Amino acid sequence: MIGSAVCMARWLPEARRLLKRAKRLGAREHVVFGGRVPLQPGNFIERSIAKKSAPEHRDLRDWDRIRGWAAGMASELSGSGDPVAVRQN
């Protein structure tokens, strides 16, 4: 599994390099989840994005979808094929 923050619709350079390496090793899946705009933007870019984002678009995380993906990955990696419970906070 590889994850990366996204800045200006792009993965961070380090994550892109790691992804290229993973593809050579046989990575099988690519999944994108929505994120969020910080409640208290820390720099010019974050403030600009927050200012231009409608409140309903500032947090697009879909926790049920993320948990479903995580359970599927855990099941696949465990080799059992059985559903695996994912703890909720």
PDB file of N, CA and C in Angstrom:
ATOM      1  N   MET A   1       0.839  -1.166   0.000  1.00  0.00           N
ATOM      2  CA  MET A   1       0.000   0.000   0.000  1.00  0.00           C
ATOM      3  C   MET A   1       0.884   1.229   0.000  1.00  0.00           C
ATOM      4  N   ILE A   2       0.512   2.173  -0.828  1.00  0.00           N
ATOM      5  CA  ILE A   2       1.225   3.439  -0.891  1.00  0.00           C
ATOM      6  C   ILE A   2       0.195   4.543  -0.767  1.00  0.00           C
ATOM      7  N   GLY A   3       0.473   5.520   0.031  1.00  0.00           N
ATOM      8  CA  GLY A   3      -0.424   6.651   0.158  1.00  0.00           C
ATOM      9  C   GLY A   3       0.357   7.940   0.033  1.00  0.00           C
ATOM     10  N   SER A   4      -0.336   8.979  -0.355  1.00  0.00           N
ATOM     11  CA  SER A   4       0.314  10.274  -0.473  1.00  0.00           C
ATOM     12  C   SER A   4      -0.690  11.381  -0.265  1.00  0.00           C
ATOM     13  N   ALA A   5      -0.210  12.449   0.312  1.00  0.00           N
ATOM     14  CA  ALA A   5      -0.997  13.672   0.297  1.00  0.00           C
ATOM     15  C   ALA A   5      -1.018  14.151  -1.151  1.00  0.00           C
ATOM     16  N   VAL A   6      -2.000  14.945  -1.464  1.00  0.00           N
ATOM     17  CA  VAL A   6      -2.106  15.504  -2.804  1.00  0.00           C
ATOM     18  C   VAL A   6      -2.018  17.011  -2.678  1.00  0.00           C
ATOM     19  N   CYS A   7      -1.172  17.599  -3.471  1.00  0.00           N
ATOM     20  CA  CYS A   7      -1.012  19.051  -3.468  1.00  0.00           C
ATOM     21  C   CYS A   7      -1.197  19.547  -4.888  1.00  0.00           C
ATOM     22  N   MET A   8      -2.188  20.408  -5.092  1.00  0.00           N
ATOM     23  CA  MET A   8      -2.481  20.955  -6.415  1.00  0.00           C
ATOM     24  C   MET A   8      -2.759  19.822  -7.415  1.00  0.00           C
ATOM     25  N   ALA A   9      -3.567  18.848  -6.973  1.00  0.00           N
ATOM     26  CA  ALA A   9      -4.007  17.703  -7.788  1.00  0.00           C
ATOM     27  C   ALA A   9      -2.871  16.763  -8.183  1.00  0.00           C
ATOM     28  N   ARG A  10      -1.768  16.770  -7.464  1.00  0.00           N
ATOM     29  CA  ARG A  10      -0.648  15.873  -7.772  1.00  0.00           C
ATOM     30  C   ARG A  10      -0.129  15.239  -6.488  1.00  0.00           C
ATOM     31  N   TRP A  11       0.296  13.985  -6.631  1.00  0.00           N
ATOM     32  CA  TRP A  11       0.973  13.347  -5.515  1.00  0.00           C
ATOM     33  C   TRP A  11       2.297  14.045  -5.281  1.00  0.00           C
ATOM     34  N   LEU A  12       2.800  13.941  -4.065  1.00  0.00           N
ATOM     35  CA  LEU A  12       4.103  14.502  -3.755  1.00  0.00           C
ATOM     36  C   LEU A  12       5.178  13.764  -4.567  1.00  0.00           C
ATOM     37  N   PRO A  13       6.269  14.434  -4.950  1.00  0.00           N
ATOM     38  CA  PRO A  13       7.295  13.804  -5.794  1.00  0.00           C
ATOM     39  C   PRO A  13       7.836  12.491  -5.226  1.00  0.00           C
ATOM     40  N   GLU A  14       8.043  12.431  -3.916  1.00  0.00           N
ATOM     41  CA  GLU A  14       8.580  11.207  -3.311  1.00  0.00           C
ATOM     42  C   GLU A  14       7.618  10.035  -3.510  1.00  0.00           C
ATOM     43  N   ALA A  15       6.321  10.309  -3.374  1.00  0.00           N
ATOM     44  CA  ALA A  15       5.326   9.250  -3.547  1.00  0.00           C
ATOM     45  C   ALA A  15       5.264   8.802  -5.002  1.00  0.00           C
ATOM     46  N   ARG A  16       5.405   9.722  -5.946  1.00  0.00           N
ATOM     47  CA  ARG A  16       5.394   9.338  -7.368  1.00  0.00           C
ATOM     48  C   ARG A  16       6.572   8.427  -7.687  1.00  0.00           C
ATOM     49  N   ARG A  17       7.739   8.719  -7.120  1.00  0.00           N
ATOM     50  CA  ARG A  17       8.907   7.845  -7.337  1.00  0.00           C
ATOM     51  C   ARG A  17       8.652   6.458  -6.745  1.00  0.00           C
ATOM     52  N   LEU A  18       8.095   6.417  -5.554  1.00  0.00           N
ATOM     53  CA  LEU A  18       7.798   5.140  -4.912  1.00  0.00           C
ATOM     54  C   LEU A  18       6.761   4.365  -5.720  1.00  0.00           C
ATOM     55  N   LEU A  19       5.773   5.043  -6.268  1.00  0.00           N
ATOM     56  CA  LEU A  19       4.751   4.390  -7.080  1.00  0.00           C
ATOM     57  C   LEU A  19       5.356   3.743  -8.322  1.00  0.00           C
ATOM     58  N   LYS A  20       6.278   4.426  -8.978  1.00  0.00           N
ATOM     59  CA  LYS A  20       6.945   3.841 -10.153  1.00  0.00           C
ATOM     60  C   LYS A  20       7.660   2.550  -9.772  1.00  0.00           C
ATOM     61  N   ARG A  21       8.320   2.572  -8.627  1.00  0.00           N
ATOM     62  CA  ARG A  21       9.020   1.379  -8.145  1.00  0.00           C
ATOM     63  C   ARG A  21       8.018   0.261  -7.844  1.00  0.00           C
ATOM     64  N   ALA A  22       6.893   0.601  -7.240  1.00  0.00           N
ATOM     65  CA  ALA A  22       5.873  -0.398  -6.889  1.00  0.00           C
ATOM     66  C   ALA A  22       5.294  -1.039  -8.146  1.00  0.00           C
ATOM     67  N   LYS A  23       5.095  -0.263  -9.187  1.00  0.00           N
ATOM     68  CA  LYS A  23       4.559  -0.821 -10.438  1.00  0.00           C
ATOM     69  C   LYS A  23       5.496  -1.865 -11.008  1.00  0.00           C
ATOM     70  N   ARG A  24       6.796  -1.617 -10.910  1.00  0.00           N
ATOM     71  CA  ARG A  24       7.767  -2.603 -11.394  1.00  0.00           C
ATOM     72  C   ARG A  24       7.704  -3.889 -10.574  1.00  0.00           C
ATOM     73  N   LEU A  25       7.254  -3.774  -9.316  1.00  0.00           N
ATOM     74  CA  LEU A  25       7.160  -4.934  -8.438  1.00  0.00           C
ATOM     75  C   LEU A  25       5.808  -5.627  -8.514  1.00  0.00           C
ATOM     76  N   GLY A  26       4.905  -5.130  -9.372  1.00  0.00           N
ATOM     77  CA  GLY A  26       3.632  -5.808  -9.570  1.00  0.00           C
ATOM     78  C   GLY A  26       2.456  -5.239  -8.809  1.00  0.00           C
ATOM     79  N   ALA A  27       2.469  -3.961  -8.486  1.00  0.00           N
ATOM     80  CA  ALA A  27       1.305  -3.357  -7.828  1.00  0.00           C
ATOM     81  C   ALA A  27       0.073  -3.577  -8.691  1.00  0.00           C
ATOM     82  N   ARG A  28      -1.087  -3.814  -8.056  1.00  0.00           N
ATOM     83  CA  ARG A  28      -2.269  -4.223  -8.804  1.00  0.00           C
ATOM     84  C   ARG A  28      -3.421  -3.235  -8.794  1.00  0.00           C
ATOM     85  N   GLU A  29      -3.415  -2.268  -7.945  1.00  0.00           N
ATOM     86  CA  GLU A  29      -4.623  -1.466  -7.789  1.00  0.00           C
ATOM     87  C   GLU A  29      -4.276  -0.003  -7.526  1.00  0.00           C
ATOM     88  N   HIS A  30      -5.148   0.853  -7.985  1.00  0.00           N
ATOM     89  CA  HIS A  30      -5.002   2.283  -7.734  1.00  0.00           C
ATOM     90  C   HIS A  30      -6.341   2.802  -7.237  1.00  0.00           C
ATOM     91  N   VAL A  31      -6.355   3.391  -6.061  1.00  0.00           N
ATOM     92  CA  VAL A  31      -7.589   3.899  -5.467  1.00  0.00           C
ATOM     93  C   VAL A  31      -7.351   5.331  -5.007  1.00  0.00           C
ATOM     94  N   VAL A  32      -8.304   6.192  -5.259  1.00  0.00           N
ATOM     95  CA  VAL A  32      -8.209   7.576  -4.827  1.00  0.00           C
ATOM     96  C   VAL A  32      -9.380   7.865  -3.896  1.00  0.00           C
ATOM     97  N   PHE A  33      -9.076   8.451  -2.752  1.00  0.00           N
ATOM     98  CA  PHE A  33     -10.103   8.849  -1.794  1.00  0.00           C
ATOM     99  C   PHE A  33     -10.105  10.368  -1.686  1.00  0.00           C
ATOM    100  N   GLY A  34     -11.270  10.922  -1.445  1.00  0.00           N
ATOM    101  CA  GLY A  34     -11.383  12.362  -1.228  1.00  0.00           C
ATOM    102  C   GLY A  34     -10.681  12.763   0.054  1.00  0.00           C
ATOM    103  N   GLY A  35     -10.285  14.005   0.119  1.00  0.00           N
ATOM    104  CA  GLY A  35      -9.599  14.512   1.302  1.00  0.00           C
ATOM    105  C   GLY A  35     -10.341  15.699   1.887  1.00  0.00           C
ATOM    106  N   ARG A  36      -9.592  16.556   2.524  1.00  0.00           N
ATOM    107  CA  ARG A  36     -10.217  17.723   3.141  1.00  0.00           C
ATOM    108  C   ARG A  36      -9.299  18.928   3.031  1.00  0.00           C
ATOM    109  N   VAL A  37      -9.904  20.079   3.103  1.00  0.00           N
ATOM    110  CA  VAL A  37      -9.183  21.343   3.176  1.00  0.00           C
ATOM    111  C   VAL A  37      -9.031  21.648   4.665  1.00  0.00           C
ATOM    112  N   PRO A  38      -7.840  22.020   5.113  1.00  0.00           N
ATOM    113  CA  PRO A  38      -7.650  22.288   6.549  1.00  0.00           C
ATOM    114  C   PRO A  38      -8.611  23.353   7.075  1.00  0.00           C
ATOM    115  N   LEU A  39      -9.091  23.148   8.300  1.00  0.00           N
ATOM    116  CA  LEU A  39      -9.974  24.132   8.925  1.00  0.00           C
ATOM    117  C   LEU A  39      -9.245  25.444   9.182  1.00  0.00           C
ATOM    118  N   GLN A  40      -7.967  25.341   9.502  1.00  0.00           N
ATOM    119  CA  GLN A  40      -7.144  26.530   9.723  1.00  0.00           C
ATOM    120  C   GLN A  40      -5.963  26.462   8.759  1.00  0.00           C
ATOM    121  N   PRO A  41      -6.162  26.960   7.528  1.00  0.00           N
ATOM    122  CA  PRO A  41      -5.102  26.884   6.522  1.00  0.00           C
ATOM    123  C   PRO A  41      -3.800  27.507   7.022  1.00  0.00           C
ATOM    124  N   GLY A  42      -2.691  26.848   6.718  1.00  0.00           N
ATOM    125  CA  GLY A  42      -1.408  27.281   7.251  1.00  0.00           C
ATOM    126  C   GLY A  42      -0.544  28.080   6.300  1.00  0.00           C
ATOM    127  N   ASN A  43      -0.898  28.128   5.014  1.00  0.00           N
ATOM    128  CA  ASN A  43      -0.063  28.881   4.084  1.00  0.00           C
ATOM    129  C   ASN A  43      -0.935  29.487   2.984  1.00  0.00           C
ATOM    130  N   PHE A  44      -0.312  30.229   2.101  1.00  0.00           N
ATOM    131  CA  PHE A  44      -1.032  30.940   1.051  1.00  0.00           C
ATOM    132  C   PHE A  44      -1.875  30.002   0.189  1.00  0.00           C
ATOM    133  N   ILE A  45      -1.298  28.893  -0.220  1.00  0.00           N
ATOM    134  CA  ILE A  45      -2.021  27.957  -1.102  1.00  0.00           C
ATOM    135  C   ILE A  45      -3.236  27.392  -0.382  1.00  0.00           C
ATOM    136  N   GLU A  46      -3.055  26.942   0.856  1.00  0.00           N
ATOM    137  CA  GLU A  46      -4.190  26.398   1.611  1.00  0.00           C
ATOM    138  C   GLU A  46      -5.268  27.454   1.823  1.00  0.00           C
ATOM    139  N   ARG A  47      -4.872  28.678   2.136  1.00  0.00           N
ATOM    140  CA  ARG A  47      -5.858  29.761   2.322  1.00  0.00           C
ATOM    141  C   ARG A  47      -6.615  30.034   1.035  1.00  0.00           C
ATOM    142  N   SER A  48      -5.917  30.013  -0.086  1.00  0.00           N
ATOM    143  CA  SER A  48      -6.560  30.250  -1.375  1.00  0.00           C
ATOM    144  C   SER A  48      -7.559  29.144  -1.699  1.00  0.00           C
ATOM    145  N   ILE A  49      -7.168  27.893  -1.469  1.00  0.00           N
ATOM    146  CA  ILE A  49      -8.063  26.758  -1.730  1.00  0.00           C
ATOM    147  C   ILE A  49      -9.275  26.847  -0.813  1.00  0.00           C
ATOM    148  N   ALA A  50      -9.056  27.137   0.464  1.00  0.00           N
ATOM    149  CA  ALA A  50     -10.162  27.219   1.424  1.00  0.00           C
ATOM    150  C   ALA A  50     -11.129  28.327   1.027  1.00  0.00           C
ATOM    151  N   LYS A  51     -10.593  29.452   0.608  1.00  0.00           N
ATOM    152  CA  LYS A  51     -11.432  30.593   0.232  1.00  0.00           C
ATOM    153  C   LYS A  51     -12.315  30.265  -0.971  1.00  0.00           C
ATOM    154  N   LYS A  52     -11.788  29.468  -1.904  1.00  0.00           N
ATOM    155  CA  LYS A  52     -12.511  29.145  -3.143  1.00  0.00           C
ATOM    156  C   LYS A  52     -13.377  27.891  -3.029  1.00  0.00           C
ATOM    157  N   SER A  53     -13.286  27.174  -1.910  1.00  0.00           N
ATOM    158  CA  SER A  53     -14.031  25.922  -1.742  1.00  0.00           C
ATOM    159  C   SER A  53     -15.330  26.170  -0.986  1.00  0.00           C
ATOM    160  N   ALA A  54     -16.421  25.711  -1.577  1.00  0.00           N
ATOM    161  CA  ALA A  54     -17.709  25.787  -0.878  1.00  0.00           C
ATOM    162  C   ALA A  54     -17.636  24.919   0.377  1.00  0.00           C
ATOM    163  N   PRO A  55     -18.295  25.313   1.442  1.00  0.00           N
ATOM    164  CA  PRO A  55     -18.232  24.541   2.693  1.00  0.00           C
ATOM    165  C   PRO A  55     -18.530  23.050   2.505  1.00  0.00           C
ATOM    166  N   GLU A  56     -19.481  22.709   1.654  1.00  0.00           N
ATOM    167  CA  GLU A  56     -19.837  21.292   1.466  1.00  0.00           C
ATOM    168  C   GLU A  56     -18.757  20.506   0.716  1.00  0.00           C
ATOM    169  N   HIS A  57     -17.761  21.183   0.155  1.00  0.00           N
ATOM    170  CA  HIS A  57     -16.679  20.504  -0.567  1.00  0.00           C
ATOM    171  C   HIS A  57     -15.361  20.521   0.190  1.00  0.00           C
ATOM    172  N   ARG A  58     -15.384  20.991   1.421  1.00  0.00           N
ATOM    173  CA  ARG A  58     -14.131  21.104   2.173  1.00  0.00           C
ATOM    174  C   ARG A  58     -13.706  19.805   2.841  1.00  0.00           C
ATOM    175  N   ASP A  59     -14.628  18.873   2.998  1.00  0.00           N
ATOM    176  CA  ASP A  59     -14.276  17.562   3.563  1.00  0.00           C
ATOM    177  C   ASP A  59     -15.009  16.496   2.764  1.00  0.00           C
ATOM    178  N   LEU A  60     -14.285  15.850   1.862  1.00  0.00           N
ATOM    179  CA  LEU A  60     -14.891  14.851   0.984  1.00  0.00           C
ATOM    180  C   LEU A  60     -14.460  13.432   1.351  1.00  0.00           C
ATOM    181  N   ARG A  61     -13.979  13.272   2.585  1.00  0.00           N
ATOM    182  CA  ARG A  61     -13.587  11.920   3.008  1.00  0.00           C
ATOM    183  C   ARG A  61     -14.841  11.067   3.180  1.00  0.00           C
ATOM    184  N   ASP A  62     -14.798   9.861   2.628  1.00  0.00           N
ATOM    185  CA  ASP A  62     -15.902   8.904   2.730  1.00  0.00           C
ATOM    186  C   ASP A  62     -15.396   7.739   3.581  1.00  0.00           C
ATOM    187  N   TRP A  63     -15.618   7.861   4.890  1.00  0.00           N
ATOM    188  CA  TRP A  63     -15.044   6.894   5.824  1.00  0.00           C
ATOM    189  C   TRP A  63     -15.553   5.481   5.593  1.00  0.00           C
ATOM    190  N   ASP A  64     -16.813   5.312   5.193  1.00  0.00           N
ATOM    191  CA  ASP A  64     -17.321   3.965   4.919  1.00  0.00           C
ATOM    192  C   ASP A  64     -16.581   3.333   3.741  1.00  0.00           C
ATOM    193  N   ARG A  65     -16.343   4.113   2.706  1.00  0.00           N
ATOM    194  CA  ARG A  65     -15.609   3.603   1.532  1.00  0.00           C
ATOM    195  C   ARG A  65     -14.167   3.265   1.915  1.00  0.00           C
ATOM    196  N   ILE A  66     -13.556   4.118   2.715  1.00  0.00           N
ATOM    197  CA  ILE A  66     -12.175   3.872   3.149  1.00  0.00           C
ATOM    198  C   ILE A  66     -12.103   2.599   3.995  1.00  0.00           C
ATOM    199  N   ARG A  67     -13.046   2.447   4.939  1.00  0.00           N
ATOM    200  CA  ARG A  67     -13.058   1.235   5.779  1.00  0.00           C
ATOM    201  C   ARG A  67     -13.306  -0.009   4.931  1.00  0.00           C
ATOM    202  N   GLY A  68     -14.199   0.082   3.950  1.00  0.00           N
ATOM    203  CA  GLY A  68     -14.461  -1.053   3.068  1.00  0.00           C
ATOM    204  C   GLY A  68     -13.228  -1.452   2.287  1.00  0.00           C
ATOM    205  N   TRP A  69     -12.511  -0.466   1.766  1.00  0.00           N
ATOM    206  CA  TRP A  69     -11.270  -0.754   1.036  1.00  0.00           C
ATOM    207  C   TRP A  69     -10.242  -1.383   1.976  1.00  0.00           C
ATOM    208  N   ALA A  70     -10.103  -0.809   3.181  1.00  0.00           N
ATOM    209  CA  ALA A  70      -9.130  -1.335   4.140  1.00  0.00           C
ATOM    210  C   ALA A  70      -9.454  -2.777   4.525  1.00  0.00           C
ATOM    211  N   ALA A  71     -10.735  -3.075   4.731  1.00  0.00           N
ATOM    212  CA  ALA A  71     -11.127  -4.454   5.073  1.00  0.00           C
ATOM    213  C   ALA A  71     -10.817  -5.398   3.920  1.00  0.00           C
ATOM    214  N   GLY A  72     -11.076  -4.961   2.703  1.00  0.00           N
ATOM    215  CA  GLY A  72     -10.762  -5.791   1.538  1.00  0.00           C
ATOM    216  C   GLY A  72      -9.272  -6.050   1.409  1.00  0.00           C
ATOM    217  N   MET A  73      -8.467  -5.018   1.629  1.00  0.00           N
ATOM    218  CA  MET A  73      -7.013  -5.188   1.566  1.00  0.00           C
ATOM    219  C   MET A  73      -6.525  -6.128   2.672  1.00  0.00           C
ATOM    220  N   ALA A  74      -7.046  -5.957   3.872  1.00  0.00           N
ATOM    221  CA  ALA A  74      -6.639  -6.821   4.985  1.00  0.00           C
ATOM    222  C   ALA A  74      -6.987  -8.268   4.680  1.00  0.00           C
ATOM    223  N   SER A  75      -8.168  -8.482   4.118  1.00  0.00           N
ATOM    224  CA  SER A  75      -8.591  -9.832   3.774  1.00  0.00           C
ATOM    225  C   SER A  75      -7.675 -10.433   2.706  1.00  0.00           C
ATOM    226  N   GLU A  76      -7.370  -9.631   1.686  1.00  0.00           N
ATOM    227  CA  GLU A  76      -6.509 -10.112   0.611  1.00  0.00           C
ATOM    228  C   GLU A  76      -5.102 -10.408   1.113  1.00  0.00           C
ATOM    229  N   LEU A  77      -4.574  -9.519   1.937  1.00  0.00           N
ATOM    230  CA  LEU A  77      -3.216  -9.709   2.445  1.00  0.00           C
ATOM    231  C   LEU A  77      -3.114 -10.851   3.442  1.00  0.00           C
ATOM    232  N   SER A  78      -4.212 -11.138   4.157  1.00  0.00           N
ATOM    233  CA  SER A  78      -4.179 -12.235   5.120  1.00  0.00           C
ATOM    234  C   SER A  78      -4.234 -13.584   4.418  1.00  0.00           C
ATOM    235  N   GLY A  79      -4.684 -13.572   3.163  1.00  0.00           N
ATOM    236  CA  GLY A  79      -4.758 -14.807   2.400  1.00  0.00           C
ATOM    237  C   GLY A  79      -5.958 -15.663   2.730  1.00  0.00           C
ATOM    238  N   SER A  80      -6.784 -15.237   3.666  1.00  0.00           N
ATOM    239  CA  SER A  80      -7.916 -16.060   4.078  1.00  0.00           C
ATOM    240  C   SER A  80      -9.120 -15.882   3.166  1.00  0.00           C
ATOM    241  N   GLY A  81      -9.228 -14.713   2.565  1.00  0.00           N
ATOM    242  CA  GLY A  81     -10.412 -14.426   1.756  1.00  0.00           C
ATOM    243  C   GLY A  81     -11.626 -14.080   2.591  1.00  0.00           C
ATOM    244  N   ASP A  82     -11.497 -14.190   3.920  1.00  0.00           N
ATOM    245  CA  ASP A  82     -12.606 -13.860   4.812  1.00  0.00           C
ATOM    246  C   ASP A  82     -12.620 -12.366   5.086  1.00  0.00           C
ATOM    247  N   PRO A  83     -13.810 -11.790   5.240  1.00  0.00           N
ATOM    248  CA  PRO A  83     -13.867 -10.366   5.587  1.00  0.00           C
ATOM    249  C   PRO A  83     -13.142 -10.111   6.911  1.00  0.00           C
ATOM    250  N   VAL A  84     -12.480  -8.978   7.003  1.00  0.00           N
ATOM    251  CA  VAL A  84     -11.748  -8.602   8.192  1.00  0.00           C
ATOM    252  C   VAL A  84     -12.376  -7.336   8.749  1.00  0.00           C
ATOM    253  N   ALA A  85     -12.649  -7.316  10.027  1.00  0.00           N
ATOM    254  CA  ALA A  85     -13.238  -6.137  10.657  1.00  0.00           C
ATOM    255  C   ALA A  85     -12.202  -5.022  10.731  1.00  0.00           C
ATOM    256  N   VAL A  86     -12.617  -3.816  10.414  1.00  0.00           N
ATOM    257  CA  VAL A  86     -11.744  -2.655  10.518  1.00  0.00           C
ATOM    258  C   VAL A  86     -12.253  -1.805  11.667  1.00  0.00           C
ATOM    259  N   ARG A  87     -11.376  -1.513  12.601  1.00  0.00           N
ATOM    260  CA  ARG A  87     -11.755  -0.742  13.777  1.00  0.00           C
ATOM    261  C   ARG A  87     -12.128   0.690  13.397  1.00  0.00           C
ATOM    262  N   GLN A  88     -13.178   1.184  14.027  1.00  0.00           N
ATOM    263  CA  GLN A  88     -13.607   2.569  13.824  1.00  0.00           C
ATOM    264  C   GLN A  88     -13.183   3.374  15.029  1.00  0.00           C
ATOM    265  N   ASN A  89     -12.821   4.638  14.790  1.00  0.00           N
ATOM    266  CA  ASN A  89     -12.423   5.505  15.911  1.00  0.00           C
ATOM    267  C   ASN A  89     -13.622   6.011  16.638  1.00  0.00           C
TER     268      ASN A  89
END
